[in-house]
Amino acid sequence: KTVLAYSSISQMGFLIVGLGLGLGAPQAWPAVA
């Protein structure tokens, strides 16, 4: 379960990438969201 927890930490990075893309291009936010 600890390995899964560290995997969750890394997977959150993908969501942060998406959030950064949406913040950088607000016109595309609905699709990015």
PDB file of all heavy atoms in Angstrom:
ATOM      1  N   LYS A   1       0.822  -1.205   0.000  1.00  0.00           N
ATOM      2  CA  LYS A   1       0.000   0.000   0.000  1.00  0.00           C
ATOM      3  C   LYS A   1       0.857   1.257   0.000  1.00  0.00           C
ATOM      4  O   LYS A   1       0.443   2.286  -0.550  1.00  0.00           O
ATOM      5  CB  LYS A   1      -0.936  -0.008   1.207  1.00  0.00           C
ATOM      6  CG  LYS A   1      -2.081  -0.997   1.084  1.00  0.00           C
ATOM      7  CD  LYS A   1      -3.068  -0.853   2.232  1.00  0.00           C
ATOM      8  CE  LYS A   1      -4.251  -1.786   2.056  1.00  0.00           C
ATOM      9  NZ  LYS A   1      -5.240  -1.645   3.158  1.00  0.00           N
ATOM     10  N   THR A   2       2.037   1.199   0.599  1.00  0.00           N
ATOM     11  CA  THR A   2       2.929   2.359   0.585  1.00  0.00           C
ATOM     12  C   THR A   2       3.432   2.626  -0.828  1.00  0.00           C
ATOM     13  O   THR A   2       3.553   3.781  -1.251  1.00  0.00           O
ATOM     14  CB  THR A   2       4.111   2.140   1.540  1.00  0.00           C
ATOM     15  OG1 THR A   2       3.629   1.750   2.820  1.00  0.00           O
ATOM     16  CG2 THR A   2       4.937   3.410   1.683  1.00  0.00           C
ATOM     17  N   VAL A   3       3.720   1.560  -1.577  1.00  0.00           N
ATOM     18  CA  VAL A   3       4.118   1.724  -2.978  1.00  0.00           C
ATOM     19  C   VAL A   3       3.001   2.396  -3.771  1.00  0.00           C
ATOM     20  O   VAL A   3       3.244   3.295  -4.592  1.00  0.00           O
ATOM     21  CB  VAL A   3       4.483   0.359  -3.596  1.00  0.00           C
ATOM     22  CG1 VAL A   3       4.771   0.509  -5.091  1.00  0.00           C
ATOM     23  CG2 VAL A   3       5.692  -0.237  -2.891  1.00  0.00           C
ATOM     24  N   LEU A   4       1.761   1.997  -3.511  1.00  0.00           N
ATOM     25  CA  LEU A   4       0.628   2.624  -4.191  1.00  0.00           C
ATOM     26  C   LEU A   4       0.509   4.095  -3.826  1.00  0.00           C
ATOM     27  O   LEU A   4       0.146   4.929  -4.668  1.00  0.00           O
ATOM     28  CB  LEU A   4      -0.664   1.895  -3.832  1.00  0.00           C
ATOM     29  CG  LEU A   4      -0.816   0.465  -4.354  1.00  0.00           C
ATOM     30  CD1 LEU A   4      -2.154  -0.116  -3.899  1.00  0.00           C
ATOM     31  CD2 LEU A   4      -0.704   0.415  -5.871  1.00  0.00           C
ATOM     32  N   ALA A   5       0.804   4.421  -2.567  1.00  0.00           N
ATOM     33  CA  ALA A   5       0.737   5.819  -2.144  1.00  0.00           C
ATOM     34  C   ALA A   5       1.765   6.665  -2.890  1.00  0.00           C
ATOM     35  O   ALA A   5       1.460   7.776  -3.348  1.00  0.00           O
ATOM     36  CB  ALA A   5       0.961   5.921  -0.637  1.00  0.00           C
ATOM     37  N   TYR A   6       2.982   6.159  -3.045  1.00  0.00           N
ATOM     38  CA  TYR A   6       3.991   6.900  -3.812  1.00  0.00           C
ATOM     39  C   TYR A   6       3.597   6.986  -5.284  1.00  0.00           C
ATOM     40  O   TYR A   6       3.883   7.985  -5.957  1.00  0.00           O
ATOM     41  CB  TYR A   6       5.360   6.237  -3.654  1.00  0.00           C
ATOM     42  CG  TYR A   6       6.105   6.708  -2.434  1.00  0.00           C
ATOM     43  CD1 TYR A   6       6.076   5.979  -1.256  1.00  0.00           C
ATOM     44  CD2 TYR A   6       6.820   7.894  -2.453  1.00  0.00           C
ATOM     45  CE1 TYR A   6       6.747   6.418  -0.130  1.00  0.00           C
ATOM     46  CE2 TYR A   6       7.493   8.344  -1.336  1.00  0.00           C
ATOM     47  CZ  TYR A   6       7.458   7.604  -0.176  1.00  0.00           C
ATOM     48  OH  TYR A   6       8.118   8.044   0.939  1.00  0.00           O
ATOM     49  N   SER A   7       2.949   5.960  -5.797  1.00  0.00           N
ATOM     50  CA  SER A   7       2.452   6.021  -7.163  1.00  0.00           C
ATOM     51  C   SER A   7       1.409   7.132  -7.313  1.00  0.00           C
ATOM     52  O   SER A   7       1.382   7.845  -8.317  1.00  0.00           O
ATOM     53  CB  SER A   7       1.842   4.670  -7.553  1.00  0.00           C
ATOM     54  OG  SER A   7       1.154   4.766  -8.783  1.00  0.00           O
ATOM     55  N   SER A   8       0.556   7.291  -6.297  1.00  0.00           N
ATOM     56  CA  SER A   8      -0.442   8.361  -6.341  1.00  0.00           C
ATOM     57  C   SER A   8       0.225   9.728  -6.371  1.00  0.00           C
ATOM     58  O   SER A   8      -0.222  10.635  -7.081  1.00  0.00           O
ATOM     59  CB  SER A   8      -1.375   8.270  -5.124  1.00  0.00           C
ATOM     60  OG  SER A   8      -2.147   7.092  -5.168  1.00  0.00           O
ATOM     61  N   ILE A   9       1.298   9.893  -5.617  1.00  0.00           N
ATOM     62  CA  ILE A   9       2.030  11.158  -5.619  1.00  0.00           C
ATOM     63  C   ILE A   9       2.531  11.464  -7.028  1.00  0.00           C
ATOM     64  O   ILE A   9       2.400  12.584  -7.535  1.00  0.00           O
ATOM     65  CB  ILE A   9       3.204  11.104  -4.623  1.00  0.00           C
ATOM     66  CG1 ILE A   9       2.673  10.982  -3.193  1.00  0.00           C
ATOM     67  CG2 ILE A   9       4.084  12.342  -4.756  1.00  0.00           C
ATOM     68  CD1 ILE A   9       3.751  10.706  -2.168  1.00  0.00           C
ATOM     69  N   SER A  10       3.091  10.465  -7.684  1.00  0.00           N
ATOM     70  CA  SER A  10       3.611  10.701  -9.035  1.00  0.00           C
ATOM     71  C   SER A  10       2.478  10.966 -10.025  1.00  0.00           C
ATOM     72  O   SER A  10       2.601  11.799 -10.922  1.00  0.00           O
ATOM     73  CB  SER A  10       4.443   9.499  -9.487  1.00  0.00           C
ATOM     74  OG  SER A  10       3.618   8.368  -9.689  1.00  0.00           O
ATOM     75  N   GLN A  11       1.349  10.246  -9.870  1.00  0.00           N
ATOM     76  CA  GLN A  11       0.232  10.447 -10.791  1.00  0.00           C
ATOM     77  C   GLN A  11      -0.370  11.841 -10.659  1.00  0.00           C
ATOM     78  O   GLN A  11      -0.924  12.381 -11.628  1.00  0.00           O
ATOM     79  CB  GLN A  11      -0.847   9.393 -10.531  1.00  0.00           C
ATOM     80  CG  GLN A  11      -0.441   7.974 -10.872  1.00  0.00           C
ATOM     81  CD  GLN A  11      -0.328   7.748 -12.373  1.00  0.00           C
ATOM     82  OE1 GLN A  11      -1.192   8.166 -13.141  1.00  0.00           O
ATOM     83  NE2 GLN A  11       0.735   7.108 -12.798  1.00  0.00           N
ATOM     84  N   MET A  12      -0.281  12.425  -9.475  1.00  0.00           N
ATOM     85  CA  MET A  12      -0.773  13.793  -9.313  1.00  0.00           C
ATOM     86  C   MET A  12      -0.006  14.765 -10.200  1.00  0.00           C
ATOM     87  O   MET A  12      -0.511  15.833 -10.565  1.00  0.00           O
ATOM     88  CB  MET A  12      -0.670  14.232  -7.855  1.00  0.00           C
ATOM     89  CG  MET A  12      -1.616  13.530  -6.884  1.00  0.00           C
ATOM     90  SD  MET A  12      -3.349  13.609  -7.359  1.00  0.00           S
ATOM     91  CE  MET A  12      -3.581  11.967  -8.081  1.00  0.00           C
ATOM     92  N   GLY A  13       1.217  14.388 -10.559  1.00  0.00           N
ATOM     93  CA  GLY A  13       1.990  15.243 -11.452  1.00  0.00           C
ATOM     94  C   GLY A  13       1.317  15.431 -12.801  1.00  0.00           C
ATOM     95  O   GLY A  13       1.389  16.511 -13.400  1.00  0.00           O
ATOM     96  N   PHE A  14       0.651  14.380 -13.315  1.00  0.00           N
ATOM     97  CA  PHE A  14      -0.055  14.517 -14.584  1.00  0.00           C
ATOM     98  C   PHE A  14      -1.177  15.547 -14.472  1.00  0.00           C
ATOM     99  O   PHE A  14      -1.407  16.337 -15.388  1.00  0.00           O
ATOM    100  CB  PHE A  14      -0.632  13.161 -15.000  1.00  0.00           C
ATOM    101  CG  PHE A  14       0.404  12.156 -15.388  1.00  0.00           C
ATOM    102  CD1 PHE A  14       0.618  11.031 -14.627  1.00  0.00           C
ATOM    103  CD2 PHE A  14       1.172  12.342 -16.520  1.00  0.00           C
ATOM    104  CE1 PHE A  14       1.577  10.102 -14.978  1.00  0.00           C
ATOM    105  CE2 PHE A  14       2.138  11.421 -16.893  1.00  0.00           C
ATOM    106  CZ  PHE A  14       2.345  10.290 -16.112  1.00  0.00           C
ATOM    107  N   LEU A  15      -1.890  15.504 -13.335  1.00  0.00           N
ATOM    108  CA  LEU A  15      -2.978  16.471 -13.153  1.00  0.00           C
ATOM    109  C   LEU A  15      -2.432  17.888 -13.032  1.00  0.00           C
ATOM    110  O   LEU A  15      -3.047  18.845 -13.526  1.00  0.00           O
ATOM    111  CB  LEU A  15      -3.787  16.105 -11.909  1.00  0.00           C
ATOM    112  CG  LEU A  15      -4.463  14.734 -11.941  1.00  0.00           C
ATOM    113  CD1 LEU A  15      -5.233  14.493 -10.650  1.00  0.00           C
ATOM    114  CD2 LEU A  15      -5.392  14.621 -13.138  1.00  0.00           C
ATOM    115  N   ILE A  16      -1.282  18.041 -12.370  1.00  0.00           N
ATOM    116  CA  ILE A  16      -0.673  19.368 -12.247  1.00  0.00           C
ATOM    117  C   ILE A  16      -0.228  19.883 -13.617  1.00  0.00           C
ATOM    118  O   ILE A  16      -0.334  21.085 -13.914  1.00  0.00           O
ATOM    119  CB  ILE A  16       0.513  19.326 -11.272  1.00  0.00           C
ATOM    120  CG1 ILE A  16       0.024  18.950  -9.868  1.00  0.00           C
ATOM    121  CG2 ILE A  16       1.228  20.660 -11.227  1.00  0.00           C
ATOM    122  CD1 ILE A  16      -0.991  19.908  -9.286  1.00  0.00           C
ATOM    123  N   VAL A  17       0.266  18.988 -14.465  1.00  0.00           N
ATOM    124  CA  VAL A  17       0.623  19.390 -15.832  1.00  0.00           C
ATOM    125  C   VAL A  17      -0.602  19.929 -16.555  1.00  0.00           C
ATOM    126  O   VAL A  17      -0.562  20.977 -17.199  1.00  0.00           O
ATOM    127  CB  VAL A  17       1.228  18.201 -16.600  1.00  0.00           C
ATOM    128  CG1 VAL A  17       1.310  18.514 -18.099  1.00  0.00           C
ATOM    129  CG2 VAL A  17       2.620  17.885 -16.073  1.00  0.00           C
ATOM    130  N   GLY A  18      -1.723  19.200 -16.437  1.00  0.00           N
ATOM    131  CA  GLY A  18      -2.954  19.676 -17.072  1.00  0.00           C
ATOM    132  C   GLY A  18      -3.408  21.008 -16.522  1.00  0.00           C
ATOM    133  O   GLY A  18      -3.839  21.893 -17.274  1.00  0.00           O
ATOM    134  N   LEU A  19      -3.318  21.168 -15.210  1.00  0.00           N
ATOM    135  CA  LEU A  19      -3.703  22.441 -14.589  1.00  0.00           C
ATOM    136  C   LEU A  19      -2.815  23.578 -15.088  1.00  0.00           C
ATOM    137  O   LEU A  19      -3.295  24.675 -15.389  1.00  0.00           O
ATOM    138  CB  LEU A  19      -3.607  22.319 -13.075  1.00  0.00           C
ATOM    139  CG  LEU A  19      -4.015  23.541 -12.256  1.00  0.00           C
ATOM    140  CD1 LEU A  19      -5.469  23.892 -12.514  1.00  0.00           C
ATOM    141  CD2 LEU A  19      -3.783  23.295 -10.772  1.00  0.00           C
ATOM    142  N   GLY A  20      -1.511  23.321 -15.188  1.00  0.00           N
ATOM    143  CA  GLY A  20      -0.600  24.346 -15.700  1.00  0.00           C
ATOM    144  C   GLY A  20      -0.909  24.733 -17.136  1.00  0.00           C
ATOM    145  O   GLY A  20      -0.852  25.910 -17.506  1.00  0.00           O
ATOM    146  N   LEU A  21      -1.255  23.730 -17.967  1.00  0.00           N
ATOM    147  CA  LEU A  21      -1.614  24.033 -19.357  1.00  0.00           C
ATOM    148  C   LEU A  21      -2.864  24.897 -19.421  1.00  0.00           C
ATOM    149  O   LEU A  21      -2.957  25.822 -20.232  1.00  0.00           O
ATOM    150  CB  LEU A  21      -1.837  22.721 -20.117  1.00  0.00           C
ATOM    151  CG  LEU A  21      -0.609  21.846 -20.342  1.00  0.00           C
ATOM    152  CD1 LEU A  21      -1.017  20.513 -20.947  1.00  0.00           C
ATOM    153  CD2 LEU A  21       0.402  22.545 -21.241  1.00  0.00           C
ATOM    154  N   GLY A  22      -3.844  24.586 -18.551  1.00  0.00           N
ATOM    155  CA  GLY A  22      -5.072  25.382 -18.544  1.00  0.00           C
ATOM    156  C   GLY A  22      -4.850  26.798 -18.066  1.00  0.00           C
ATOM    157  O   GLY A  22      -5.434  27.746 -18.605  1.00  0.00           O
ATOM    158  N   LEU A  23      -3.975  26.970 -17.066  1.00  0.00           N
ATOM    159  CA  LEU A  23      -3.667  28.312 -16.574  1.00  0.00           C
ATOM    160  C   LEU A  23      -2.892  29.114 -17.615  1.00  0.00           C
ATOM    161  O   LEU A  23      -3.036  30.331 -17.718  1.00  0.00           O
ATOM    162  CB  LEU A  23      -2.865  28.228 -15.281  1.00  0.00           C
ATOM    163  CG  LEU A  23      -3.618  27.700 -14.048  1.00  0.00           C
ATOM    164  CD1 LEU A  23      -2.665  27.506 -12.877  1.00  0.00           C
ATOM    165  CD2 LEU A  23      -4.736  28.656 -13.661  1.00  0.00           C
ATOM    166  N   GLY A  24      -2.062  28.429 -18.387  1.00  0.00           N
ATOM    167  CA  GLY A  24      -1.268  29.131 -19.399  1.00  0.00           C
ATOM    168  C   GLY A  24      -2.063  29.497 -20.632  1.00  0.00           C
ATOM    169  O   GLY A  24      -1.673  30.398 -21.376  1.00  0.00           O
ATOM    170  N   ALA A  25      -3.159  28.784 -20.867  1.00  0.00           N
ATOM    171  CA  ALA A  25      -3.990  29.067 -22.046  1.00  0.00           C
ATOM    172  C   ALA A  25      -5.460  29.046 -21.621  1.00  0.00           C
ATOM    173  O   ALA A  25      -6.162  28.059 -21.840  1.00  0.00           O
ATOM    174  CB  ALA A  25      -3.725  28.044 -23.142  1.00  0.00           C
ATOM    175  N   PRO A  26      -5.936  30.128 -20.999  1.00  0.00           N
ATOM    176  CA  PRO A  26      -7.315  30.141 -20.470  1.00  0.00           C
ATOM    177  C   PRO A  26      -8.377  29.864 -21.524  1.00  0.00           C
ATOM    178  O   PRO A  26      -9.439  29.325 -21.210  1.00  0.00           O
ATOM    179  CB  PRO A  26      -7.452  31.559 -19.910  1.00  0.00           C
ATOM    180  CG  PRO A  26      -6.051  32.024 -19.660  1.00  0.00           C
ATOM    181  CD  PRO A  26      -5.215  31.379 -20.721  1.00  0.00           C
ATOM    182  N   GLN A  27      -8.108  30.222 -22.793  1.00  0.00           N
ATOM    183  CA  GLN A  27      -9.107  30.002 -23.830  1.00  0.00           C
ATOM    184  C   GLN A  27      -9.367  28.517 -24.057  1.00  0.00           C
ATOM    185  O   GLN A  27     -10.440  28.132 -24.555  1.00  0.00           O
ATOM    186  CB  GLN A  27      -8.659  30.658 -25.146  1.00  0.00           C
ATOM    187  CG  GLN A  27      -7.499  29.983 -25.857  1.00  0.00           C
ATOM    188  CD  GLN A  27      -6.141  30.348 -25.275  1.00  0.00           C
ATOM    189  OE1 GLN A  27      -6.069  31.081 -24.297  1.00  0.00           O
ATOM    190  NE2 GLN A  27      -5.096  29.856 -25.887  1.00  0.00           N
ATOM    191  N   ALA A  28      -8.394  27.665 -23.704  1.00  0.00           N
ATOM    192  CA  ALA A  28      -8.551  26.225 -23.904  1.00  0.00           C
ATOM    193  C   ALA A  28      -8.970  25.510 -22.628  1.00  0.00           C
ATOM    194  O   ALA A  28      -9.037  24.280 -22.614  1.00  0.00           O
ATOM    195  CB  ALA A  28      -7.240  25.628 -24.430  1.00  0.00           C
ATOM    196  N   TRP A  29      -9.257  26.285 -21.569  1.00  0.00           N
ATOM    197  CA  TRP A  29      -9.521  25.657 -20.280  1.00  0.00           C
ATOM    198  C   TRP A  29     -10.687  24.668 -20.287  1.00  0.00           C
ATOM    199  O   TRP A  29     -10.586  23.596 -19.685  1.00  0.00           O
ATOM    200  CB  TRP A  29      -9.734  26.714 -19.213  1.00  0.00           C
ATOM    201  CG  TRP A  29     -10.182  26.125 -17.897  1.00  0.00           C
ATOM    202  CD1 TRP A  29     -11.383  26.279 -17.300  1.00  0.00           C
ATOM    203  CD2 TRP A  29      -9.420  25.256 -17.063  1.00  0.00           C
ATOM    204  NE1 TRP A  29     -11.420  25.569 -16.125  1.00  0.00           N
ATOM    205  CE2 TRP A  29     -10.226  24.922 -15.955  1.00  0.00           C
ATOM    206  CE3 TRP A  29      -8.131  24.722 -17.143  1.00  0.00           C
ATOM    207  CZ2 TRP A  29      -9.795  24.091 -14.939  1.00  0.00           C
ATOM    208  CZ3 TRP A  29      -7.698  23.890 -16.129  1.00  0.00           C
ATOM    209  CH2 TRP A  29      -8.521  23.573 -15.042  1.00  0.00           C
ATOM    210  N   PRO A  30     -11.825  24.939 -20.920  1.00  0.00           N
ATOM    211  CA  PRO A  30     -12.918  23.961 -20.889  1.00  0.00           C
ATOM    212  C   PRO A  30     -12.498  22.583 -21.404  1.00  0.00           C
ATOM    213  O   PRO A  30     -12.848  21.558 -20.808  1.00  0.00           O
ATOM    214  CB  PRO A  30     -13.986  24.600 -21.790  1.00  0.00           C
ATOM    215  CG  PRO A  30     -13.721  26.063 -21.687  1.00  0.00           C
ATOM    216  CD  PRO A  30     -12.225  26.179 -21.614  1.00  0.00           C
ATOM    217  N   ALA A  31     -11.737  22.560 -22.498  1.00  0.00           N
ATOM    218  CA  ALA A  31     -11.290  21.277 -23.047  1.00  0.00           C
ATOM    219  C   ALA A  31     -10.256  20.625 -22.146  1.00  0.00           C
ATOM    220  O   ALA A  31     -10.275  19.411 -21.913  1.00  0.00           O
ATOM    221  CB  ALA A  31     -10.723  21.478 -24.448  1.00  0.00           C
ATOM    222  N   VAL A  32      -9.318  21.431 -21.612  1.00  0.00           N
ATOM    223  CA  VAL A  32      -8.294  20.885 -20.714  1.00  0.00           C
ATOM    224  C   VAL A  32      -8.936  20.353 -19.435  1.00  0.00           C
ATOM    225  O   VAL A  32      -8.559  19.287 -18.921  1.00  0.00           O
ATOM    226  CB  VAL A  32      -7.239  21.961 -20.382  1.00  0.00           C
ATOM    227  CG1 VAL A  32      -6.236  21.421 -19.373  1.00  0.00           C
ATOM    228  CG2 VAL A  32      -6.516  22.407 -21.648  1.00  0.00           C
ATOM    229  N   ALA A  33      -9.929  21.070 -18.910  1.00  0.00           N
ATOM    230  CA  ALA A  33     -10.606  20.630 -17.689  1.00  0.00           C
ATOM    231  C   ALA A  33     -11.286  19.286 -17.893  1.00  0.00           C
ATOM    232  O   ALA A  33     -11.302  18.438 -16.986  1.00  0.00           O
ATOM    233  CB  ALA A  33     -11.624  21.682 -17.255  1.00  0.00           C
TER     234      ALA A  33
END
